[in-house]
Amino acid sequence: MRVFVTGATGFIGTAIVQELIKAGHQVLGLARSEESANKLIKAGAEVHRGDLEDLDSLRSGATSSDGVIHAGFIHDFTRFQEVCQVDKTAIETIGKVLAGSNRPFIVTSGTALVSPGKLATEEIIPPFNPHFPRASEHTADAVAALGVRAGVIRLSPSVHGQDDKHGFVPILVNIAREKGVSAYIGDGQNRWNAVHRLDAAHLYRLALENVAPGARFHGSAEEAITFKSIAEAIGNQMNIPVVSVAPEAAAEHFGWFSHFAAIDCPASSELTQERLSWHPMNSTLLADIENGIYTK
């Protein structure tokens, strides 16, 4: 299969490209810079020039492919509403090209807000939240209605592994380094879920090969890790105190990240593992932190 991949040179995207090529697929990777293009060539992929805001490049990439994985997203939280609209428009643009063709289209979303405070499962479809502008899933459903085999992979809040520079754990490490303490909120018993980037990449390939319209898959290898245990692992590695921050002081300590530090979002991948024979086998989040890959 010739697969068009957005976000092909990102932390997760590079692993997806390697996974696809290893499985015998051809990859057409979206690249906005010479550095990205060279990275794709070195990986054995074909380069497609453009970016998520260049709609013509998205149309031509989708037109010349047998399937699409949309793993790209502009991670600029200072203009979150704007970049979420870019994401929505990109999904719609690719979807219109694939309409009626039955070609697979995998869209990226997240597990964090599926069912806060309760175990999220693949069968839960949260209502649209007008206060949270990212509408990847609802846009993917609209595309599926056009006759596209569009499905969604919900990724964990922590997709971890070597070379993770911009994910949630590096953000926590940077805050800990700045404040001199590794903190959690209240009793720290709110839970995150997590997945290793190589396991996530394997999931993308399996989903592409087997997706049905409207399917949801969970990229969650560990369904519940307390935030306190994450803070403790970071504190131990950095040899700094681990402290509790009162909920009313969370915004001052964590800044814009306080919402994510407080969220309780356990997520199961039982149905995903059963339907796709996906069996995560790489290191856990705490093992990666304890091995020092985030604090070297």
Protein backbone atom coordinates (compact mmCIF):
# COMPACT_ATOMS: atom_id res chain seq x y z
CA MET A 1 0.00 0.00 0.00
CA ARG A 2 1.24 3.51 -0.77
CA VAL A 3 0.56 5.52 2.39
CA PHE A 4 0.52 9.30 2.70
CA VAL A 5 1.64 10.27 6.22
CA THR A 6 1.30 13.73 7.76
CA GLY A 7 3.54 14.41 10.73
CA ALA A 8 5.93 11.91 9.17
CA THR A 9 9.06 13.43 10.70
CA GLY A 10 7.70 13.98 14.21
CA PHE A 11 8.36 11.94 17.34
CA ILE A 12 5.56 9.47 16.61
CA GLY A 13 5.56 9.93 12.84
CA THR A 14 9.14 8.76 12.37
CA ALA A 15 8.27 5.52 14.16
CA ILE A 16 5.14 5.12 12.01
CA VAL A 17 7.19 5.54 8.83
CA GLN A 18 9.69 2.90 9.97
CA GLU A 19 6.86 0.53 10.95
CA LEU A 20 5.12 0.90 7.57
CA ILE A 21 8.28 0.41 5.52
CA LYS A 22 9.30 -2.61 7.59
CA ALA A 23 5.89 -4.15 6.83
CA GLY A 24 6.37 -3.65 3.07
CA HIS A 25 4.35 -0.49 2.53
CA GLN A 26 5.55 2.52 0.54
CA VAL A 27 5.49 5.83 2.39
CA LEU A 28 4.86 9.30 1.04
CA GLY A 29 5.80 11.64 3.87
CA LEU A 30 4.74 15.26 4.21
CA ALA A 31 7.78 17.53 4.67
CA ARG A 32 7.87 21.30 5.11
CA SER A 33 11.66 21.73 5.33
CA GLU A 34 14.87 20.46 3.78
CA GLU A 35 15.80 18.89 7.11
CA SER A 36 12.52 16.96 7.20
CA ALA A 37 12.90 15.89 3.58
CA ASN A 38 16.39 14.54 4.26
CA LYS A 39 15.10 12.63 7.28
CA LEU A 40 12.43 10.95 5.13
CA ILE A 41 14.89 10.07 2.37
CA LYS A 42 17.23 8.53 4.94
CA ALA A 43 14.33 6.45 6.30
CA GLY A 44 13.53 5.14 2.81
CA ALA A 45 10.37 7.17 2.27
CA GLU A 46 9.31 9.39 -0.61
CA VAL A 47 9.13 13.13 0.07
CA HIS A 48 5.97 15.15 -0.47
CA ARG A 49 6.57 18.88 0.00
CA GLY A 50 4.03 20.90 1.94
CA ASP A 51 2.48 21.35 5.37
CA LEU A 52 -0.85 21.11 7.18
CA GLU A 53 -1.88 24.60 6.08
CA ASP A 54 -1.02 23.95 2.41
CA LEU A 55 -4.29 22.40 1.32
CA ASP A 56 -3.12 21.77 -2.24
CA SER A 57 -0.25 19.68 -0.91
CA LEU A 58 -2.69 17.66 1.22
CA ARG A 59 -4.98 17.09 -1.75
CA SER A 60 -2.19 15.92 -4.05
CA GLY A 61 -0.70 13.68 -1.34
CA ALA A 62 -4.05 12.03 -0.68
CA THR A 63 -4.83 11.70 -4.39
CA SER A 64 -1.65 9.75 -5.06
CA SER A 65 -2.03 7.37 -2.10
CA ASP A 66 -3.83 4.13 -1.28
CA GLY A 67 -4.41 5.26 2.28
CA VAL A 68 -3.65 8.14 4.66
CA ILE A 69 -2.39 8.39 8.23
CA HIS A 70 -2.91 11.85 9.69
CA ALA A 71 -0.42 12.04 12.56
CA GLY A 72 0.49 15.70 12.13
CA PHE A 73 -0.57 18.46 14.52
CA ILE A 74 0.84 21.91 15.22
CA HIS A 75 1.79 21.72 18.91
CA ASP A 76 1.51 25.42 19.70
CA PHE A 77 -0.68 25.69 22.79
CA THR A 78 -0.43 29.49 22.75
CA ARG A 79 -2.79 29.45 19.75
CA PHE A 80 -4.60 26.20 20.45
CA GLN A 81 -7.95 27.20 18.95
CA GLU A 82 -6.28 28.25 15.72
CA VAL A 83 -4.22 25.07 15.30
CA CYS A 84 -7.27 22.95 16.09
CA GLN A 85 -9.04 24.63 13.16
CA VAL A 86 -6.02 23.84 10.97
CA ASP A 87 -6.34 20.20 12.04
CA LYS A 88 -10.07 20.14 11.27
CA THR A 89 -9.60 21.68 7.85
CA ALA A 90 -6.78 19.24 7.03
CA ILE A 91 -8.99 16.25 7.90
CA GLU A 92 -11.87 17.62 5.83
CA THR A 93 -9.57 18.33 2.87
CA ILE A 94 -8.07 14.85 2.82
CA GLY A 95 -11.49 13.28 3.40
CA LYS A 96 -13.00 14.97 0.35
CA VAL A 97 -10.23 13.51 -1.82
CA LEU A 98 -10.81 10.01 -0.44
CA ALA A 99 -14.62 10.23 -0.59
CA GLY A 100 -16.30 7.20 -2.17
CA SER A 101 -13.01 5.35 -2.64
CA ASN A 102 -13.12 3.10 0.44
CA ARG A 103 -9.46 3.94 1.03
CA PRO A 104 -8.39 3.85 4.72
CA PHE A 105 -7.87 7.09 6.60
CA ILE A 106 -6.51 7.11 10.16
CA VAL A 107 -7.06 10.28 12.20
CA THR A 108 -5.32 11.05 15.50
CA SER A 109 -7.16 12.03 18.67
CA GLY A 110 -6.58 11.50 22.39
CA THR A 111 -7.87 9.47 25.34
CA ALA A 112 -7.57 12.23 27.94
CA LEU A 113 -11.03 13.77 27.56
CA VAL A 114 -13.06 10.74 26.50
CA SER A 115 -14.36 9.99 29.98
CA PRO A 116 -12.57 12.04 32.68
CA GLY A 117 -12.66 10.35 36.08
CA LYS A 118 -13.86 7.03 34.67
CA LEU A 119 -12.21 4.30 32.64
CA ALA A 120 -12.43 5.31 28.98
CA THR A 121 -13.23 2.59 26.47
CA GLU A 122 -13.27 2.57 22.69
CA GLU A 123 -17.08 2.42 22.62
CA ILE A 124 -17.53 5.72 24.45
CA ILE A 125 -18.18 8.58 22.02
CA PRO A 126 -17.99 11.84 23.97
CA PRO A 127 -20.29 14.67 22.96
CA PHE A 128 -18.76 17.62 21.19
CA ASN A 129 -17.34 20.05 23.75
CA PRO A 130 -17.53 23.65 22.49
CA HIS A 131 -14.99 24.67 25.16
CA PHE A 132 -12.40 22.26 23.75
CA PRO A 133 -11.73 23.24 20.14
CA ARG A 134 -10.02 20.06 18.88
CA ALA A 135 -12.70 18.24 16.85
CA SER A 136 -10.65 15.47 15.22
CA GLU A 137 -13.06 12.65 16.03
CA HIS A 138 -16.23 14.39 14.99
CA THR A 139 -14.56 15.52 11.77
CA ALA A 140 -13.41 11.94 11.09
CA ASP A 141 -17.01 10.74 11.56
CA ALA A 142 -18.20 13.32 9.03
CA VAL A 143 -15.56 12.08 6.59
CA ALA A 144 -16.63 8.46 7.15
CA ALA A 145 -20.14 9.47 6.12
CA LEU A 146 -18.68 10.44 2.71
CA GLY A 147 -17.73 6.83 2.00
CA VAL A 148 -14.24 6.80 3.49
CA ARG A 149 -12.89 4.06 5.78
CA ALA A 150 -12.04 6.73 8.34
CA GLY A 151 -11.20 5.69 11.88
CA VAL A 152 -9.59 7.25 14.92
CA ILE A 153 -6.61 6.37 17.07
CA ARG A 154 -6.87 7.93 20.50
CA LEU A 155 -3.37 8.36 21.88
CA SER A 156 -2.41 8.45 25.54
CA PRO A 157 -1.48 11.80 27.10
CA SER A 158 2.02 10.35 27.39
CA VAL A 159 3.46 8.75 24.27
CA HIS A 160 6.93 8.11 25.62
CA GLY A 161 10.31 6.83 24.51
CA GLN A 162 13.80 7.85 23.43
CA ASP A 163 14.02 11.31 21.80
CA ASP A 164 10.76 12.56 23.31
CA LYS A 165 11.44 16.31 23.44
CA HIS A 166 8.03 17.98 23.36
CA GLY A 167 5.61 15.57 25.07
CA PHE A 168 3.98 15.90 28.47
CA VAL A 169 6.82 14.29 30.45
CA PRO A 170 9.47 16.69 29.07
CA ILE A 171 7.13 19.54 30.05
CA LEU A 172 6.93 18.18 33.61
CA VAL A 173 10.71 17.77 33.74
CA ASN A 174 11.20 21.37 32.60
CA ILE A 175 8.76 22.64 35.23
CA ALA A 176 10.52 20.56 37.90
CA ARG A 177 13.89 21.93 36.81
CA GLU A 178 12.59 25.52 36.94
CA LYS A 179 10.83 25.16 40.31
CA GLY A 180 13.39 22.93 42.00
CA VAL A 181 10.71 20.41 43.03
CA SER A 182 8.72 17.69 41.28
CA ALA A 183 5.09 18.26 42.14
CA TYR A 184 1.71 16.59 42.02
CA ILE A 185 -1.68 18.08 42.86
CA GLY A 186 -3.46 17.18 46.09
CA ASP A 187 -2.96 13.49 46.87
CA GLY A 188 -1.70 12.85 43.32
CA GLN A 189 -4.06 9.92 42.77
CA ASN A 190 -5.38 11.21 39.45
CA ARG A 191 -4.42 8.78 36.71
CA TRP A 192 -2.85 9.06 33.28
CA ASN A 193 -2.56 6.33 30.67
CA ALA A 194 0.57 5.83 28.57
CA VAL A 195 2.03 4.08 25.52
CA HIS A 196 5.52 3.66 24.10
CA ARG A 197 6.02 5.33 20.70
CA LEU A 198 7.01 2.04 19.03
CA ASP A 199 3.86 0.33 20.28
CA ALA A 200 1.84 3.33 19.07
CA ALA A 201 3.46 3.10 15.63
CA HIS A 202 2.61 -0.60 15.41
CA LEU A 203 -1.00 0.28 16.27
CA TYR A 204 -1.20 2.82 13.46
CA ARG A 205 -0.09 0.20 10.94
CA LEU A 206 -2.57 -2.40 12.18
CA ALA A 207 -5.38 0.15 12.20
CA LEU A 208 -4.58 1.27 8.64
CA GLU A 209 -4.73 -2.33 7.42
CA ASN A 210 -7.96 -3.21 9.25
CA VAL A 211 -10.00 -0.07 9.89
CA ALA A 212 -13.78 0.04 9.48
CA PRO A 213 -15.63 3.36 9.11
CA GLY A 214 -16.13 5.04 12.48
CA ALA A 215 -13.78 2.73 14.38
CA ARG A 216 -12.04 3.92 17.54
CA PHE A 217 -8.76 2.42 18.72
CA HIS A 218 -6.96 3.19 21.97
CA GLY A 219 -3.20 3.68 21.99
CA SER A 220 -3.02 2.91 25.69
CA ALA A 221 -0.58 0.24 26.87
CA GLU A 222 -0.89 1.18 30.56
CA GLU A 223 -4.39 2.19 31.50
CA ALA A 224 -3.80 3.89 34.87
CA ILE A 225 -0.61 5.42 36.29
CA THR A 226 -1.00 7.82 39.22
CA PHE A 227 0.35 11.29 38.64
CA LYS A 228 2.08 11.06 42.02
CA SER A 229 4.12 8.07 40.82
CA ILE A 230 5.19 10.02 37.72
CA ALA A 231 6.22 12.99 39.87
CA GLU A 232 8.13 10.67 42.21
CA ALA A 233 10.01 9.04 39.34
CA ILE A 234 10.99 12.46 37.98
CA GLY A 235 12.03 13.70 41.43
CA ASN A 236 14.14 10.61 42.07
CA GLN A 237 15.93 10.95 38.75
CA MET A 238 16.61 14.65 39.24
CA ASN A 239 17.43 14.27 42.94
CA ILE A 240 14.98 16.99 43.93
CA PRO A 241 12.12 17.01 46.49
CA VAL A 242 8.74 15.58 45.54
CA VAL A 243 5.93 17.75 46.91
CA SER A 244 2.16 18.09 46.89
CA VAL A 245 0.69 21.31 45.55
CA ALA A 246 -2.76 22.39 46.73
CA PRO A 247 -5.38 22.49 43.95
CA GLU A 248 -5.77 26.24 44.37
CA ALA A 249 -2.02 26.70 43.82
CA ALA A 250 -1.77 24.37 40.80
CA ALA A 251 -2.11 27.10 38.19
CA GLU A 252 0.69 29.10 39.78
CA HIS A 253 3.01 26.08 39.86
CA PHE A 254 2.19 24.36 36.56
CA GLY A 255 1.01 27.36 34.53
CA TRP A 256 -1.00 26.47 31.42
CA PHE A 257 -0.21 22.79 32.06
CA SER A 258 -2.20 22.69 35.33
CA HIS A 259 -5.31 21.26 33.63
CA PHE A 260 -3.35 18.33 32.25
CA ALA A 261 -1.55 17.79 35.56
CA ALA A 262 -4.93 17.48 37.30
CA ILE A 263 -6.82 15.36 34.79
CA ASP A 264 -7.90 11.85 35.76
CA CYS A 265 -8.02 9.83 32.55
CA PRO A 266 -7.57 6.07 32.85
CA ALA A 267 -8.15 4.36 29.51
CA SER A 268 -8.53 0.73 28.50
CA SER A 269 -7.28 -0.74 25.21
CA GLU A 270 -8.84 -4.15 25.74
CA LEU A 271 -11.07 -3.93 22.66
CA THR A 272 -8.25 -2.53 20.52
CA GLN A 273 -5.95 -5.37 21.52
CA GLU A 274 -8.66 -7.91 20.82
CA ARG A 275 -9.75 -6.51 17.45
CA LEU A 276 -6.29 -5.83 16.02
CA SER A 277 -4.17 -8.42 17.88
CA TRP A 278 -2.15 -5.48 19.17
CA HIS A 279 0.08 -6.46 22.05
CA PRO A 280 2.25 -3.64 23.50
CA MET A 281 5.67 -4.98 24.42
CA ASN A 282 7.98 -2.02 24.91
CA SER A 283 9.11 -0.30 28.12
CA THR A 284 6.66 1.34 30.52
CA LEU A 285 6.47 5.07 31.21
CA LEU A 286 7.99 4.82 34.69
CA ALA A 287 10.79 2.57 33.38
CA ASP A 288 11.67 5.17 30.74
CA ILE A 289 11.76 7.93 33.36
CA GLU A 290 13.78 5.76 35.76
CA ASN A 291 16.22 4.89 32.97
CA GLY A 292 17.02 8.58 32.67
CA ILE A 293 16.00 9.25 29.07
CA TYR A 294 14.15 12.43 30.14
CA THR A 295 16.71 13.85 32.54
CA LYS A 296 20.08 13.28 30.86
